[in-house]
Amino acid sequence: MLITENTPIKFAVIVNGVQVGTPQPTKTLAEAIILNLPPQQRQLAEIRPVTTGGAELLLG
């Protein structure tokens, strides 16, 4: 899939390789999901950009 500047990007919260909840339209909303996780999961959580189709974006 070709990613352009107009491709909508969402932010997924990932804990131990498993997506938690649904991808959010803003990074702030994804951070709010992390705040509601138990402390042990919160330490392992990361936010990854994804396309609206769920494909992970590899930025480099």
PDB file of N, CA and C in Angstrom:
ATOM      1  N   MET A   1       0.841  -1.172   0.000  1.00  0.00           N
ATOM      2  CA  MET A   1       0.000   0.000   0.000  1.00  0.00           C
ATOM      3  C   MET A   1       0.887   1.237   0.000  1.00  0.00           C
ATOM      4  N   LEU A   2       0.606   2.148  -0.890  1.00  0.00           N
ATOM      5  CA  LEU A   2       1.349   3.397  -0.970  1.00  0.00           C
ATOM      6  C   LEU A   2       0.760   4.392   0.020  1.00  0.00           C
ATOM      7  N   ILE A   3       1.595   4.908   0.890  1.00  0.00           N
ATOM      8  CA  ILE A   3       1.155   5.879   1.879  1.00  0.00           C
ATOM      9  C   ILE A   3       1.444   7.273   1.333  1.00  0.00           C
ATOM     10  N   THR A   4       0.421   8.098   1.284  1.00  0.00           N
ATOM     11  CA  THR A   4       0.579   9.478   0.838  1.00  0.00           C
ATOM     12  C   THR A   4       0.286  10.403   2.003  1.00  0.00           C
ATOM     13  N   GLU A   5       0.483  11.684   1.788  1.00  0.00           N
ATOM     14  CA  GLU A   5       0.207  12.652   2.840  1.00  0.00           C
ATOM     15  C   GLU A   5      -1.268  12.688   3.193  1.00  0.00           C
ATOM     16  N   ASN A   6      -2.133  12.237   2.290  1.00  0.00           N
ATOM     17  CA  ASN A   6      -3.569  12.272   2.529  1.00  0.00           C
ATOM     18  C   ASN A   6      -4.110  10.984   3.131  1.00  0.00           C
ATOM     19  N   THR A   7      -3.256  10.000   3.343  1.00  0.00           N
ATOM     20  CA  THR A   7      -3.699   8.736   3.922  1.00  0.00           C
ATOM     21  C   THR A   7      -4.005   8.946   5.400  1.00  0.00           C
ATOM     22  N   PRO A   8      -5.248   8.647   5.820  1.00  0.00           N
ATOM     23  CA  PRO A   8      -5.584   8.824   7.243  1.00  0.00           C
ATOM     24  C   PRO A   8      -4.767   7.871   8.115  1.00  0.00           C
ATOM     25  N   ILE A   9      -4.244   8.393   9.195  1.00  0.00           N
ATOM     26  CA  ILE A   9      -3.450   7.599  10.126  1.00  0.00           C
ATOM     27  C   ILE A   9      -4.164   7.586  11.471  1.00  0.00           C
ATOM     28  N   LYS A  10      -4.191   6.418  12.097  1.00  0.00           N
ATOM     29  CA  LYS A  10      -4.726   6.280  13.446  1.00  0.00           C
ATOM     30  C   LYS A  10      -3.606   5.760  14.334  1.00  0.00           C
ATOM     31  N   PHE A  11      -3.858   5.730  15.631  1.00  0.00           N
ATOM     32  CA  PHE A  11      -2.836   5.327  16.589  1.00  0.00           C
ATOM     33  C   PHE A  11      -3.349   4.163  17.424  1.00  0.00           C
ATOM     34  N   ALA A  12      -2.634   3.037  17.360  1.00  0.00           N
ATOM     35  CA  ALA A  12      -3.020   1.829  18.085  1.00  0.00           C
ATOM     36  C   ALA A  12      -2.140   1.665  19.319  1.00  0.00           C
ATOM     37  N   VAL A  13      -2.760   1.213  20.406  1.00  0.00           N
ATOM     38  CA  VAL A  13      -2.024   0.896  21.627  1.00  0.00           C
ATOM     39  C   VAL A  13      -1.709  -0.596  21.593  1.00  0.00           C
ATOM     40  N   ILE A  14      -0.430  -0.922  21.727  1.00  0.00           N
ATOM     41  CA  ILE A  14       0.036  -2.303  21.665  1.00  0.00           C
ATOM     42  C   ILE A  14       0.683  -2.677  22.998  1.00  0.00           C
ATOM     43  N   VAL A  15       0.247  -3.819  23.574  1.00  0.00           N
ATOM     44  CA  VAL A  15       0.836  -4.351  24.808  1.00  0.00           C
ATOM     45  C   VAL A  15       1.238  -5.795  24.532  1.00  0.00           C
ATOM     46  N   ASN A  16       2.522  -6.085  24.636  1.00  0.00           N
ATOM     47  CA  ASN A  16       3.045  -7.437  24.368  1.00  0.00           C
ATOM     48  C   ASN A  16       2.629  -7.949  22.998  1.00  0.00           C
ATOM     49  N   GLY A  17       2.636  -7.092  22.010  1.00  0.00           N
ATOM     50  CA  GLY A  17       2.306  -7.499  20.650  1.00  0.00           C
ATOM     51  C   GLY A  17       0.823  -7.617  20.360  1.00  0.00           C
ATOM     52  N   VAL A  18      -0.033  -7.300  21.333  1.00  0.00           N
ATOM     53  CA  VAL A  18      -1.482  -7.403  21.161  1.00  0.00           C
ATOM     54  C   VAL A  18      -2.093  -6.007  21.211  1.00  0.00           C
ATOM     55  N   GLN A  19      -2.939  -5.717  20.233  1.00  0.00           N
ATOM     56  CA  GLN A  19      -3.603  -4.416  20.193  1.00  0.00           C
ATOM     57  C   GLN A  19      -4.653  -4.339  21.292  1.00  0.00           C
ATOM     58  N   VAL A  20      -4.665  -3.222  22.019  1.00  0.00           N
ATOM     59  CA  VAL A  20      -5.635  -2.987  23.082  1.00  0.00           C
ATOM     60  C   VAL A  20      -6.632  -1.953  22.577  1.00  0.00           C
ATOM     61  N   GLY A  21      -7.895  -2.315  22.536  1.00  0.00           N
ATOM     62  CA  GLY A  21      -8.924  -1.400  22.057  1.00  0.00           C
ATOM     63  C   GLY A  21      -8.835  -1.197  20.555  1.00  0.00           C
ATOM     64  N   THR A  22      -9.482  -0.148  20.094  1.00  0.00           N
ATOM     65  CA  THR A  22      -9.490   0.164  18.669  1.00  0.00           C
ATOM     66  C   THR A  22      -8.511   1.303  18.395  1.00  0.00           C
ATOM     67  N   PRO A  23      -7.969   1.373  17.198  1.00  0.00           N
ATOM     68  CA  PRO A  23      -7.081   2.492  16.860  1.00  0.00           C
ATOM     69  C   PRO A  23      -7.811   3.831  17.011  1.00  0.00           C
ATOM     70  N   GLN A  24      -7.107   4.808  17.541  1.00  0.00           N
ATOM     71  CA  GLN A  24      -7.688   6.118  17.821  1.00  0.00           C
ATOM     72  C   GLN A  24      -7.244   7.148  16.780  1.00  0.00           C
ATOM     73  N   PRO A  25      -8.087   8.149  16.527  1.00  0.00           N
ATOM     74  CA  PRO A  25      -7.750   9.150  15.511  1.00  0.00           C
ATOM     75  C   PRO A  25      -6.634  10.114  15.921  1.00  0.00           C
ATOM     76  N   THR A  26      -6.372  10.225  17.233  1.00  0.00           N
ATOM     77  CA  THR A  26      -5.297  11.113  17.685  1.00  0.00           C
ATOM     78  C   THR A  26      -4.402  10.381  18.682  1.00  0.00           C
ATOM     79  N   LYS A  27      -3.170  10.829  18.772  1.00  0.00           N
ATOM     80  CA  LYS A  27      -2.222  10.230  19.715  1.00  0.00           C
ATOM     81  C   LYS A  27      -2.662  10.491  21.157  1.00  0.00           C
ATOM     82  N   THR A  28      -3.300  11.626  21.400  1.00  0.00           N
ATOM     83  CA  THR A  28      -3.772  11.965  22.740  1.00  0.00           C
ATOM     84  C   THR A  28      -4.799  10.955  23.236  1.00  0.00           C
ATOM     85  N   LEU A  29      -5.708  10.531  22.352  1.00  0.00           N
ATOM     86  CA  LEU A  29      -6.703   9.532  22.749  1.00  0.00           C
ATOM     87  C   LEU A  29      -6.048   8.182  23.016  1.00  0.00           C
ATOM     88  N   ALA A  30      -5.023   7.845  22.249  1.00  0.00           N
ATOM     89  CA  ALA A  30      -4.294   6.599  22.491  1.00  0.00           C
ATOM     90  C   ALA A  30      -3.585   6.656  23.846  1.00  0.00           C
ATOM     91  N   GLU A  31      -3.044   7.812  24.195  1.00  0.00           N
ATOM     92  CA  GLU A  31      -2.397   7.977  25.496  1.00  0.00           C
ATOM     93  C   GLU A  31      -3.410   7.831  26.625  1.00  0.00           C
ATOM     94  N   ALA A  32      -4.654   8.272  26.397  1.00  0.00           N
ATOM     95  CA  ALA A  32      -5.707   8.126  27.401  1.00  0.00           C
ATOM     96  C   ALA A  32      -6.019   6.651  27.652  1.00  0.00           C
ATOM     97  N   ILE A  33      -5.970   5.836  26.606  1.00  0.00           N
ATOM     98  CA  ILE A  33      -6.179   4.394  26.775  1.00  0.00           C
ATOM     99  C   ILE A  33      -5.084   3.816  27.671  1.00  0.00           C
ATOM    100  N   ILE A  34      -3.852   4.243  27.452  1.00  0.00           N
ATOM    101  CA  ILE A  34      -2.732   3.748  28.259  1.00  0.00           C
ATOM    102  C   ILE A  34      -2.924   4.113  29.728  1.00  0.00           C
ATOM    103  N   LEU A  35      -3.435   5.306  29.998  1.00  0.00           N
ATOM    104  CA  LEU A  35      -3.643   5.730  31.383  1.00  0.00           C
ATOM    105  C   LEU A  35      -4.667   4.860  32.098  1.00  0.00           C
ATOM    106  N   ASN A  36      -5.571   4.223  31.357  1.00  0.00           N
ATOM    107  CA  ASN A  36      -6.600   3.374  31.955  1.00  0.00           C
ATOM    108  C   ASN A  36      -6.170   1.917  32.089  1.00  0.00           C
ATOM    109  N   LEU A  37      -4.967   1.585  31.666  1.00  0.00           N
ATOM    110  CA  LEU A  37      -4.464   0.219  31.793  1.00  0.00           C
ATOM    111  C   LEU A  37      -3.930  -0.017  33.206  1.00  0.00           C
ATOM    112  N   PRO A  38      -3.898  -1.291  33.635  1.00  0.00           N
ATOM    113  CA  PRO A  38      -3.242  -1.600  34.916  1.00  0.00           C
ATOM    114  C   PRO A  38      -1.760  -1.215  34.841  1.00  0.00           C
ATOM    115  N   PRO A  39      -1.152  -0.888  35.990  1.00  0.00           N
ATOM    116  CA  PRO A  39       0.243  -0.423  35.989  1.00  0.00           C
ATOM    117  C   PRO A  39       1.225  -1.346  35.267  1.00  0.00           C
ATOM    118  N   GLN A  40       1.079  -2.667  35.405  1.00  0.00           N
ATOM    119  CA  GLN A  40       2.011  -3.585  34.745  1.00  0.00           C
ATOM    120  C   GLN A  40       1.893  -3.491  33.231  1.00  0.00           C
ATOM    121  N   GLN A  41       0.671  -3.377  32.725  1.00  0.00           N
ATOM    122  CA  GLN A  41       0.479  -3.258  31.279  1.00  0.00           C
ATOM    123  C   GLN A  41       0.897  -1.883  30.785  1.00  0.00           C
ATOM    124  N   ARG A  42       0.686  -0.870  31.608  1.00  0.00           N
ATOM    125  CA  ARG A  42       1.037   0.505  31.227  1.00  0.00           C
ATOM    126  C   ARG A  42       2.528   0.618  30.914  1.00  0.00           C
ATOM    127  N   GLN A  43       3.366  -0.094  31.670  1.00  0.00           N
ATOM    128  CA  GLN A  43       4.816  -0.043  31.448  1.00  0.00           C
ATOM    129  C   GLN A  43       5.206  -0.663  30.114  1.00  0.00           C
ATOM    130  N   LEU A  44       4.422  -1.624  29.637  1.00  0.00           N
ATOM    131  CA  LEU A  44       4.743  -2.333  28.397  1.00  0.00           C
ATOM    132  C   LEU A  44       4.057  -1.740  27.172  1.00  0.00           C
ATOM    133  N   ALA A  45       3.150  -0.801  27.388  1.00  0.00           N
ATOM    134  CA  ALA A  45       2.343  -0.263  26.290  1.00  0.00           C
ATOM    135  C   ALA A  45       3.161   0.655  25.388  1.00  0.00           C
ATOM    136  N   GLU A  46       2.847   0.586  24.108  1.00  0.00           N
ATOM    137  CA  GLU A  46       3.449   1.500  23.140  1.00  0.00           C
ATOM    138  C   GLU A  46       2.377   1.918  22.141  1.00  0.00           C
ATOM    139  N   ILE A  47       2.583   3.070  21.548  1.00  0.00           N
ATOM    140  CA  ILE A  47       1.653   3.599  20.553  1.00  0.00           C
ATOM    141  C   ILE A  47       2.300   3.458  19.188  1.00  0.00           C
ATOM    142  N   ARG A  48       1.565   2.831  18.268  1.00  0.00           N
ATOM    143  CA  ARG A  48       2.077   2.638  16.906  1.00  0.00           C
ATOM    144  C   ARG A  48       1.107   3.254  15.906  1.00  0.00           C
ATOM    145  N   PRO A  49       1.628   3.983  14.926  1.00  0.00           N
ATOM    146  CA  PRO A  49       0.745   4.516  13.880  1.00  0.00           C
ATOM    147  C   PRO A  49       0.298   3.399  12.946  1.00  0.00           C
ATOM    148  N   VAL A  50      -0.982   3.411  12.579  1.00  0.00           N
ATOM    149  CA  VAL A  50      -1.542   2.426  11.650  1.00  0.00           C
ATOM    150  C   VAL A  50      -2.424   3.149  10.642  1.00  0.00           C
ATOM    151  N   THR A  51      -2.668   2.494   9.510  1.00  0.00           N
ATOM    152  CA  THR A  51      -3.605   3.045   8.534  1.00  0.00           C
ATOM    153  C   THR A  51      -5.014   2.715   8.990  1.00  0.00           C
ATOM    154  N   THR A  52      -6.001   3.315   8.352  1.00  0.00           N
ATOM    155  CA  THR A  52      -7.388   3.030   8.714  1.00  0.00           C
ATOM    156  C   THR A  52      -7.735   1.577   8.447  1.00  0.00           C
ATOM    157  N   GLY A  53      -7.001   0.916   7.562  1.00  0.00           N
ATOM    158  CA  GLY A  53      -7.213  -0.498   7.287  1.00  0.00           C
ATOM    159  C   GLY A  53      -6.537  -1.405   8.304  1.00  0.00           C
ATOM    160  N   GLY A  54      -5.772  -0.834   9.231  1.00  0.00           N
ATOM    161  CA  GLY A  54      -5.118  -1.612  10.277  1.00  0.00           C
ATOM    162  C   GLY A  54      -3.684  -1.998   9.987  1.00  0.00           C
ATOM    163  N   ALA A  55      -3.154  -1.619   8.818  1.00  0.00           N
ATOM    164  CA  ALA A  55      -1.767  -1.944   8.488  1.00  0.00           C
ATOM    165  C   ALA A  55      -0.823  -1.049   9.291  1.00  0.00           C
ATOM    166  N   GLU A  56       0.201  -1.651   9.876  1.00  0.00           N
ATOM    167  CA  GLU A  56       1.163  -0.891  10.659  1.00  0.00           C
ATOM    168  C   GLU A  56       2.078  -0.097   9.738  1.00  0.00           C
ATOM    169  N   LEU A  57       2.369   1.135  10.130  1.00  0.00           N
ATOM    170  CA  LEU A  57       3.281   1.974   9.355  1.00  0.00           C
ATOM    171  C   LEU A  57       4.694   1.763   9.866  1.00  0.00           C
ATOM    172  N   LEU A  58       5.594   1.488   8.969  1.00  0.00           N
ATOM    173  CA  LEU A  58       7.000   1.340   9.321  1.00  0.00           C
ATOM    174  C   LEU A  58       7.720   2.604   8.883  1.00  0.00           C
ATOM    175  N   LEU A  59       8.068   3.420   9.844  1.00  0.00           N
ATOM    176  CA  LEU A  59       8.714   4.698   9.546  1.00  0.00           C
ATOM    177  C   LEU A  59      10.211   4.542   9.758  1.00  0.00           C
ATOM    178  N   GLY A  60      10.973   5.128   8.861  1.00  0.00           N
ATOM    179  CA  GLY A  60      12.406   4.959   9.035  1.00  0.00           C
ATOM    180  C   GLY A  60      13.216   6.016   8.399  1.00  0.00           C
TER     181      GLY A  60
END
